[in-house]
Amino acid sequence: MLRGDKVGLRARHEDDIPILRAELYDDVVNSARSEGRPWRPITPGSNDSRLVVDDKEQGHVPFSVVELDGGTLVGTAVLWNIDTHNRSAHIGLGLLPSSRGKGYGTDVVAVLCHYGFVVRGLQRLQIETLSDNAAMLRSAERNGFVREGVLRSSAWVMGEFLDEVLLGLLVQEWKPDAQGRGLPGGSRSES
């Protein structure tokens, strides 16, 4: 497990899937805001490609996010579109509604940075988020991400086009001890 100050990122367990589906993906508005494709219902018991992990897919590494105190599932995190030639990847996360506003997002981003820069040896991490997603923008900027641009009217969400903000962080700008996380301290790997 990768550990932050408040959360851990671990492999997806089979019993995580019904919770994540019910609390994140069956919510039409949440799903429409977090994905680049239209919401559609998924038949119960089917293999939902957003949640079932394909261990052979090297360019997409999904995690389940759990509280360190008690191990309660609080959301998902992912390093996606991993480009080993250019040594870059994208970060994504989703927190269950009951877990929002507790500082978990900032901690998840920190742990994903550790994973991307230290474990995977990447040079650049990138985040794209809706311009009104204040929580994600705060979490990214608290971890050193820089706003690099706005993609005007680039996301079709529930009947309207919304702007997306593009944020980036280079390994040489990353401060692993930001927010009290140091190495081998908070953001470390443990089995």
C-alpha atoms as a PDB file:
ATOM      1  CA  MET A   1       0.000   0.000   0.000  1.00  0.00           C
ATOM      2  CA  LEU A   2       1.104   3.556  -0.696  1.00  0.00           C
ATOM      3  CA  ARG A   3       0.562   5.716   2.394  1.00  0.00           C
ATOM      4  CA  GLY A   4      -0.090   9.409   2.808  1.00  0.00           C
ATOM      5  CA  ASP A   5      -0.907  11.303   5.984  1.00  0.00           C
ATOM      6  CA  LYS A   6      -4.611  10.383   6.009  1.00  0.00           C
ATOM      7  CA  VAL A   7      -5.176   7.868   3.232  1.00  0.00           C
ATOM      8  CA  GLY A   8      -3.680   4.810   1.647  1.00  0.00           C
ATOM      9  CA  LEU A   9      -3.792   3.773  -2.005  1.00  0.00           C
ATOM     10  CA  ARG A  10      -4.149   0.042  -2.480  1.00  0.00           C
ATOM     11  CA  ALA A  11      -5.195  -2.458  -5.119  1.00  0.00           C
ATOM     12  CA  ARG A  12      -8.879  -2.572  -6.024  1.00  0.00           C
ATOM     13  CA  HIS A  13     -10.735  -5.318  -4.143  1.00  0.00           C
ATOM     14  CA  GLU A  14     -13.793  -7.055  -5.540  1.00  0.00           C
ATOM     15  CA  ASP A  15     -15.942  -5.818  -2.641  1.00  0.00           C
ATOM     16  CA  ASP A  16     -14.955  -2.181  -3.452  1.00  0.00           C
ATOM     17  CA  ILE A  17     -16.752  -2.336  -6.799  1.00  0.00           C
ATOM     18  CA  PRO A  18     -20.415  -2.267  -5.642  1.00  0.00           C
ATOM     19  CA  ILE A  19     -19.690   0.653  -3.279  1.00  0.00           C
ATOM     20  CA  LEU A  20     -17.838   2.680  -5.905  1.00  0.00           C
ATOM     21  CA  ARG A  21     -20.495   1.945  -8.512  1.00  0.00           C
ATOM     22  CA  ALA A  22     -23.369   2.943  -6.218  1.00  0.00           C
ATOM     23  CA  GLU A  23     -21.783   6.055  -4.705  1.00  0.00           C
ATOM     24  CA  LEU A  24     -19.775   7.436  -7.640  1.00  0.00           C
ATOM     25  CA  TYR A  25     -20.848   6.039 -10.994  1.00  0.00           C
ATOM     26  CA  ASP A  26     -24.607   5.522 -10.559  1.00  0.00           C
ATOM     27  CA  ASP A  27     -24.840   9.235  -9.668  1.00  0.00           C
ATOM     28  CA  VAL A  28     -25.561  10.738 -13.092  1.00  0.00           C
ATOM     29  CA  VAL A  29     -24.334  14.272 -12.313  1.00  0.00           C
ATOM     30  CA  ASN A  30     -21.148  13.139 -10.532  1.00  0.00           C
ATOM     31  CA  SER A  31     -20.340  10.681 -13.303  1.00  0.00           C
ATOM     32  CA  ALA A  32     -20.995  13.268 -16.032  1.00  0.00           C
ATOM     33  CA  ARG A  33     -18.696  15.764 -14.298  1.00  0.00           C
ATOM     34  CA  SER A  34     -15.846  13.300 -13.764  1.00  0.00           C
ATOM     35  CA  GLU A  35     -15.743  11.435 -17.073  1.00  0.00           C
ATOM     36  CA  GLY A  36     -15.147  12.530 -20.627  1.00  0.00           C
ATOM     37  CA  ARG A  37     -18.042  10.467 -21.921  1.00  0.00           C
ATOM     38  CA  PRO A  38     -21.797  10.473 -21.375  1.00  0.00           C
ATOM     39  CA  TRP A  39     -23.271   8.622 -18.431  1.00  0.00           C
ATOM     40  CA  ARG A  40     -24.975   5.329 -19.173  1.00  0.00           C
ATOM     41  CA  PRO A  41     -26.442   2.733 -16.834  1.00  0.00           C
ATOM     42  CA  ILE A  42     -24.398  -0.407 -16.245  1.00  0.00           C
ATOM     43  CA  THR A  43     -26.216  -3.690 -15.685  1.00  0.00           C
ATOM     44  CA  PRO A  44     -25.731  -4.925 -12.091  1.00  0.00           C
ATOM     45  CA  GLY A  45     -23.151  -7.702 -11.933  1.00  0.00           C
ATOM     46  CA  SER A  46     -21.559  -6.810 -15.270  1.00  0.00           C
ATOM     47  CA  ASN A  47     -17.882  -6.019 -15.654  1.00  0.00           C
ATOM     48  CA  ASP A  48     -17.773  -2.221 -15.511  1.00  0.00           C
ATOM     49  CA  SER A  49     -14.594  -1.175 -17.353  1.00  0.00           C
ATOM     50  CA  ARG A  50     -14.307   1.910 -15.105  1.00  0.00           C
ATOM     51  CA  LEU A  51     -13.984  -0.256 -12.000  1.00  0.00           C
ATOM     52  CA  VAL A  52     -12.676  -3.705 -12.941  1.00  0.00           C
ATOM     53  CA  VAL A  53      -8.889  -3.681 -13.060  1.00  0.00           C
ATOM     54  CA  ASP A  54      -7.023  -5.090 -16.060  1.00  0.00           C
ATOM     55  CA  ASP A  55      -3.603  -5.976 -14.638  1.00  0.00           C
ATOM     56  CA  LYS A  56      -2.188  -6.294 -18.173  1.00  0.00           C
ATOM     57  CA  GLU A  57      -2.927  -2.607 -18.966  1.00  0.00           C
ATOM     58  CA  GLN A  58       0.355  -0.846 -18.156  1.00  0.00           C
ATOM     59  CA  GLY A  59      -0.777   2.657 -19.085  1.00  0.00           C
ATOM     60  CA  HIS A  60      -3.599   2.828 -16.539  1.00  0.00           C
ATOM     61  CA  VAL A  61      -3.006   2.170 -12.819  1.00  0.00           C
ATOM     62  CA  PRO A  62      -6.173   2.358 -10.679  1.00  0.00           C
ATOM     63  CA  PHE A  63      -6.192   2.368  -6.891  1.00  0.00           C
ATOM     64  CA  SER A  64      -8.825   2.196  -4.209  1.00  0.00           C
ATOM     65  CA  VAL A  65      -8.413   4.940  -1.613  1.00  0.00           C
ATOM     66  CA  VAL A  66      -8.850   3.959   2.044  1.00  0.00           C
ATOM     67  CA  GLU A  67      -8.618   5.838   5.330  1.00  0.00           C
ATOM     68  CA  LEU A  68      -5.484   4.913   7.228  1.00  0.00           C
ATOM     69  CA  ASP A  69      -7.483   4.900  10.474  1.00  0.00           C
ATOM     70  CA  GLY A  70      -9.733   1.877  10.032  1.00  0.00           C
ATOM     71  CA  GLY A  71      -9.247   1.072   6.346  1.00  0.00           C
ATOM     72  CA  THR A  72     -12.649   2.409   5.235  1.00  0.00           C
ATOM     73  CA  LEU A  73     -13.015   2.813   1.473  1.00  0.00           C
ATOM     74  CA  VAL A  74     -13.240   6.542   0.633  1.00  0.00           C
ATOM     75  CA  GLY A  75     -12.769   6.645  -3.151  1.00  0.00           C
ATOM     76  CA  THR A  76     -10.682   5.936  -6.218  1.00  0.00           C
ATOM     77  CA  ALA A  77      -7.420   7.266  -7.622  1.00  0.00           C
ATOM     78  CA  VAL A  78      -5.694   6.639 -10.913  1.00  0.00           C
ATOM     79  CA  LEU A  79      -2.534   7.359 -12.845  1.00  0.00           C
ATOM     80  CA  TRP A  80      -3.659   7.157 -16.476  1.00  0.00           C
ATOM     81  CA  ASN A  81      -2.368   7.651 -19.994  1.00  0.00           C
ATOM     82  CA  ILE A  82       1.110   6.758 -18.753  1.00  0.00           C
ATOM     83  CA  ASP A  83       3.598   7.581 -21.502  1.00  0.00           C
ATOM     84  CA  THR A  84       6.882   5.755 -20.815  1.00  0.00           C
ATOM     85  CA  HIS A  85       8.671   7.435 -23.746  1.00  0.00           C
ATOM     86  CA  ASN A  86       7.947  11.014 -22.657  1.00  0.00           C
ATOM     87  CA  ARG A  87       7.780   9.967 -18.977  1.00  0.00           C
ATOM     88  CA  SER A  88       4.447  11.621 -18.282  1.00  0.00           C
ATOM     89  CA  ALA A  89       1.021  10.677 -16.962  1.00  0.00           C
ATOM     90  CA  HIS A  90      -2.308  12.100 -15.863  1.00  0.00           C
ATOM     91  CA  ILE A  91      -3.801  12.045 -12.357  1.00  0.00           C
ATOM     92  CA  GLY A  92      -7.432  11.439 -11.491  1.00  0.00           C
ATOM     93  CA  LEU A  93      -9.401  10.823  -8.322  1.00  0.00           C
ATOM     94  CA  GLY A  94     -12.942  10.498  -7.056  1.00  0.00           C
ATOM     95  CA  LEU A  95     -14.034  10.647  -3.434  1.00  0.00           C
ATOM     96  CA  LEU A  96     -17.259   9.202  -2.082  1.00  0.00           C
ATOM     97  CA  PRO A  97     -19.707  11.977  -1.114  1.00  0.00           C
ATOM     98  CA  SER A  98     -19.310  11.232   2.624  1.00  0.00           C
ATOM     99  CA  SER A  99     -15.518  11.585   2.327  1.00  0.00           C
ATOM    100  CA  ARG A 100     -15.367  14.998   0.685  1.00  0.00           C
ATOM    101  CA  GLY A 101     -14.164  18.088   2.532  1.00  0.00           C
ATOM    102  CA  LYS A 102     -11.812  16.184   4.861  1.00  0.00           C
ATOM    103  CA  GLY A 103      -8.498  16.914   3.134  1.00  0.00           C
ATOM    104  CA  TYR A 104      -8.332  13.489   1.524  1.00  0.00           C
ATOM    105  CA  GLY A 105      -8.052  14.912  -2.010  1.00  0.00           C
ATOM    106  CA  THR A 106      -4.858  16.818  -1.230  1.00  0.00           C
ATOM    107  CA  ASP A 107      -3.381  13.690   0.367  1.00  0.00           C
ATOM    108  CA  VAL A 108      -4.390  11.490  -2.601  1.00  0.00           C
ATOM    109  CA  VAL A 109      -2.700  13.886  -5.038  1.00  0.00           C
ATOM    110  CA  ALA A 110       0.452  13.842  -2.872  1.00  0.00           C
ATOM    111  CA  VAL A 111       0.560  10.042  -2.844  1.00  0.00           C
ATOM    112  CA  LEU A 112      -0.049   9.866  -6.606  1.00  0.00           C
ATOM    113  CA  CYS A 113       2.858  12.314  -7.105  1.00  0.00           C
ATOM    114  CA  HIS A 114       5.088  10.054  -5.012  1.00  0.00           C
ATOM    115  CA  TYR A 115       3.987   7.045  -7.050  1.00  0.00           C
ATOM    116  CA  GLY A 116       4.473   8.837 -10.378  1.00  0.00           C
ATOM    117  CA  PHE A 117       7.792  10.524  -9.656  1.00  0.00           C
ATOM    118  CA  VAL A 118       9.507   8.076  -7.272  1.00  0.00           C
ATOM    119  CA  VAL A 119       8.080   4.658  -8.117  1.00  0.00           C
ATOM    120  CA  ARG A 120       7.496   5.148 -11.861  1.00  0.00           C
ATOM    121  CA  GLY A 121      10.327   7.628 -12.562  1.00  0.00           C
ATOM    122  CA  LEU A 122       8.127  10.076 -14.451  1.00  0.00           C
ATOM    123  CA  GLN A 123       9.132  13.617 -15.439  1.00  0.00           C
ATOM    124  CA  ARG A 124       5.667  15.258 -15.640  1.00  0.00           C
ATOM    125  CA  LEU A 125       2.239  14.785 -14.099  1.00  0.00           C
ATOM    126  CA  GLN A 126      -0.858  16.503 -15.411  1.00  0.00           C
ATOM    127  CA  ILE A 127      -4.397  17.152 -14.189  1.00  0.00           C
ATOM    128  CA  GLU A 128      -7.395  18.301 -16.185  1.00  0.00           C
ATOM    129  CA  THR A 129     -10.443  19.355 -14.173  1.00  0.00           C
ATOM    130  CA  LEU A 130     -13.574  21.412 -14.643  1.00  0.00           C
ATOM    131  CA  SER A 131     -12.952  25.076 -13.897  1.00  0.00           C
ATOM    132  CA  ASP A 132     -15.606  25.058 -11.157  1.00  0.00           C
ATOM    133  CA  ASN A 133     -14.064  22.070  -9.335  1.00  0.00           C
ATOM    134  CA  ALA A 134     -12.591  24.172  -6.518  1.00  0.00           C
ATOM    135  CA  ALA A 135     -11.681  21.134  -4.393  1.00  0.00           C
ATOM    136  CA  MET A 136      -9.544  19.524  -7.117  1.00  0.00           C
ATOM    137  CA  LEU A 137      -7.916  22.827  -8.040  1.00  0.00           C
ATOM    138  CA  ARG A 138      -7.016  23.379  -4.359  1.00  0.00           C
ATOM    139  CA  SER A 139      -5.678  19.827  -3.965  1.00  0.00           C
ATOM    140  CA  ALA A 140      -3.520  20.181  -7.077  1.00  0.00           C
ATOM    141  CA  GLU A 141      -2.142  23.609  -6.206  1.00  0.00           C
ATOM    142  CA  ARG A 142      -1.372  22.598  -2.602  1.00  0.00           C
ATOM    143  CA  ASN A 143       0.847  19.905  -4.103  1.00  0.00           C
ATOM    144  CA  GLY A 144       2.697  22.343  -6.370  1.00  0.00           C
ATOM    145  CA  PHE A 145       0.748  21.952  -9.615  1.00  0.00           C
ATOM    146  CA  VAL A 146       0.781  25.057 -11.807  1.00  0.00           C
ATOM    147  CA  ARG A 147      -2.167  26.222 -13.888  1.00  0.00           C
ATOM    148  CA  GLU A 148      -0.943  26.005 -17.461  1.00  0.00           C
ATOM    149  CA  GLY A 149      -4.080  26.953 -19.304  1.00  0.00           C
ATOM    150  CA  VAL A 150      -7.817  26.878 -19.733  1.00  0.00           C
ATOM    151  CA  LEU A 151      -9.470  24.731 -22.362  1.00  0.00           C
ATOM    152  CA  ARG A 152     -12.455  26.922 -23.153  1.00  0.00           C
ATOM    153  CA  SER A 153     -15.835  25.179 -23.514  1.00  0.00           C
ATOM    154  CA  SER A 154     -14.100  21.816 -23.928  1.00  0.00           C
ATOM    155  CA  ALA A 155     -16.291  19.611 -21.722  1.00  0.00           C
ATOM    156  CA  TRP A 156     -19.926  18.778 -22.474  1.00  0.00           C
ATOM    157  CA  VAL A 157     -21.534  18.278 -19.050  1.00  0.00           C
ATOM    158  CA  MET A 158     -25.253  17.841 -18.463  1.00  0.00           C
ATOM    159  CA  GLY A 159     -26.415  20.030 -21.322  1.00  0.00           C
ATOM    160  CA  GLU A 160     -23.732  22.723 -21.373  1.00  0.00           C
ATOM    161  CA  PHE A 161     -20.125  23.271 -22.347  1.00  0.00           C
ATOM    162  CA  LEU A 162     -17.774  23.987 -19.441  1.00  0.00           C
ATOM    163  CA  ASP A 163     -14.166  25.147 -19.301  1.00  0.00           C
ATOM    164  CA  GLU A 164     -11.433  22.800 -18.133  1.00  0.00           C
ATOM    165  CA  VAL A 165      -8.262  23.865 -16.338  1.00  0.00           C
ATOM    166  CA  LEU A 166      -4.983  22.188 -17.278  1.00  0.00           C
ATOM    167  CA  LEU A 167      -2.430  21.870 -14.457  1.00  0.00           C
ATOM    168  CA  GLY A 168       1.068  20.421 -14.604  1.00  0.00           C
ATOM    169  CA  LEU A 169       3.883  19.499 -12.245  1.00  0.00           C
ATOM    170  CA  LEU A 170       7.458  18.620 -13.215  1.00  0.00           C
ATOM    171  CA  VAL A 171       9.598  16.357 -11.058  1.00  0.00           C
ATOM    172  CA  GLN A 172      12.162  19.109 -10.449  1.00  0.00           C
ATOM    173  CA  GLU A 173       9.364  21.382  -9.102  1.00  0.00           C
ATOM    174  CA  TRP A 174       7.921  18.704  -6.845  1.00  0.00           C
ATOM    175  CA  LYS A 175       8.611  19.069  -3.151  1.00  0.00           C
ATOM    176  CA  PRO A 176       8.090  15.680  -1.535  1.00  0.00           C
ATOM    177  CA  ASP A 177       7.994  17.297   1.885  1.00  0.00           C
ATOM    178  CA  ALA A 178       5.157  19.704   0.968  1.00  0.00           C
ATOM    179  CA  GLN A 179       2.271  19.570   3.451  1.00  0.00           C
ATOM    180  CA  GLY A 180       4.444  17.642   5.937  1.00  0.00           C
ATOM    181  CA  ARG A 181       5.013  14.672   3.646  1.00  0.00           C
ATOM    182  CA  GLY A 182       8.615  13.629   3.492  1.00  0.00           C
ATOM    183  CA  LEU A 183      10.516  10.638   2.320  1.00  0.00           C
ATOM    184  CA  PRO A 184      10.563   8.097   3.704  1.00  0.00           C
ATOM    185  CA  GLY A 185       7.810   9.632   5.886  1.00  0.00           C
ATOM    186  CA  GLY A 186       4.158  10.002   4.924  1.00  0.00           C
ATOM    187  CA  SER A 187       4.142   9.111   1.225  1.00  0.00           C
ATOM    188  CA  ARG A 188       5.905   5.810   1.396  1.00  0.00           C
ATOM    189  CA  SER A 189       5.269   2.345   0.111  1.00  0.00           C
ATOM    190  CA  GLU A 190       4.570  -0.502   2.470  1.00  0.00           C
ATOM    191  CA  SER A 191       3.488  -4.033   1.824  1.00  0.00           C
END
